[in-house]
Amino acid sequence: MRAMYLGNYFVAGCIAFSLLGWVASLHPIAFRAVLCLLGAIAIAWGLSWLLDFSLSKLLKISVADLQALLIGGFAMLLIGLGVFLCT
């Protein structure tokens, strides 16, 4: 059951990053806005890796689960960027 939820979040994340890529291709200002958003996401992702022990206590999940979510988030980003670059 838990794998099904994680799979759903993964697919939703891939769709969201693909949508951001599509919005970025519409107009140069939208491209800059999406780049700023992706930059903020990258900073938050990096800080999550640095602060994983304290963040896992705050979210009340294990460190391994948090790291799995972060790796899944990175995979979603790569798939979304791949769709953006291939269109």
Protein backbone atom coordinates (compact mmCIF):
# COMPACT_ATOMS: atom_id res chain seq x y z
CA MET A 1 0.00 0.00 0.00
CA ARG A 2 2.80 2.40 0.87
CA ALA A 3 4.59 1.71 -2.41
CA MET A 4 1.39 2.62 -4.25
CA TYR A 5 1.25 5.99 -2.48
CA LEU A 6 4.91 6.67 -3.23
CA GLY A 7 4.36 5.68 -6.86
CA ASN A 8 1.43 8.10 -7.09
CA TYR A 9 3.51 10.93 -5.63
CA PHE A 10 6.32 10.08 -8.04
CA VAL A 11 4.04 10.22 -11.08
CA ALA A 12 2.45 13.44 -9.83
CA GLY A 13 5.88 14.99 -9.36
CA CYS A 14 6.96 13.96 -12.86
CA ILE A 15 3.82 15.53 -14.28
CA ALA A 16 4.39 18.71 -12.27
CA PHE A 17 7.98 19.11 -13.48
CA SER A 18 6.90 18.39 -17.05
CA LEU A 19 4.21 21.06 -16.71
CA LEU A 20 6.81 23.52 -15.46
CA GLY A 21 8.94 22.73 -18.50
CA TRP A 22 5.98 23.32 -20.79
CA VAL A 23 5.18 26.65 -19.10
CA ALA A 24 8.83 27.67 -19.42
CA SER A 25 8.73 27.04 -23.16
CA LEU A 26 5.80 29.43 -23.68
CA HIS A 27 7.48 32.77 -22.99
CA PRO A 28 10.96 34.04 -21.96
CA ILE A 29 9.60 35.63 -18.77
CA ALA A 30 7.90 32.36 -17.84
CA PHE A 31 11.23 30.62 -18.47
CA ARG A 32 12.94 32.94 -15.99
CA ALA A 33 10.17 32.43 -13.44
CA VAL A 34 10.43 28.65 -13.75
CA LEU A 35 14.23 28.87 -13.42
CA CYS A 36 13.81 30.85 -10.19
CA LEU A 37 11.31 28.29 -8.91
CA LEU A 38 13.61 25.40 -9.80
CA GLY A 39 16.49 27.23 -8.11
CA ALA A 40 14.45 27.57 -4.91
CA ILE A 41 13.53 23.89 -5.09
CA ALA A 42 17.20 22.96 -5.60
CA ILE A 43 18.24 25.04 -2.57
CA ALA A 44 15.54 23.44 -0.41
CA TRP A 45 16.56 19.99 -1.67
CA GLY A 46 20.22 20.63 -0.84
CA LEU A 47 19.36 21.95 2.62
CA SER A 48 17.22 18.88 3.22
CA TRP A 49 20.25 16.69 2.57
CA LEU A 50 22.40 18.76 4.91
CA LEU A 51 19.81 18.87 7.67
CA ASP A 52 18.41 15.37 7.24
CA PHE A 53 18.72 14.28 10.89
CA SER A 54 17.01 17.33 12.36
CA LEU A 55 14.43 17.43 9.56
CA SER A 56 13.54 13.77 10.08
CA LYS A 57 12.89 14.46 13.77
CA LEU A 58 10.71 17.44 12.85
CA LEU A 59 8.69 15.43 10.31
CA LYS A 60 8.68 12.36 12.60
CA ILE A 61 9.94 9.97 9.92
CA SER A 62 13.11 7.93 9.74
CA VAL A 63 16.22 9.28 8.04
CA ALA A 64 16.10 6.46 5.49
CA ASP A 65 12.52 7.41 4.51
CA LEU A 66 13.52 11.07 4.16
CA GLN A 67 16.50 10.17 2.01
CA ALA A 68 14.29 7.94 -0.15
CA LEU A 69 11.91 10.86 -0.67
CA LEU A 70 14.82 13.14 -1.59
CA ILE A 71 16.18 10.63 -4.10
CA GLY A 72 12.69 10.25 -5.55
CA GLY A 73 12.43 14.03 -5.83
CA PHE A 74 15.70 14.14 -7.73
CA ALA A 75 14.48 11.43 -10.10
CA MET A 76 11.27 13.42 -10.68
CA LEU A 77 13.35 16.48 -11.51
CA LEU A 78 15.49 14.56 -13.97
CA ILE A 79 12.45 13.08 -15.74
CA GLY A 80 10.75 16.48 -15.90
CA LEU A 81 13.88 18.13 -17.29
CA GLY A 82 14.25 15.31 -19.79
CA VAL A 83 10.73 15.91 -21.05
CA PHE A 84 11.42 19.65 -21.23
CA LEU A 85 14.65 19.21 -23.16
CA CYS A 86 13.17 16.66 -25.57
CA THR A 87 10.24 18.86 -26.60
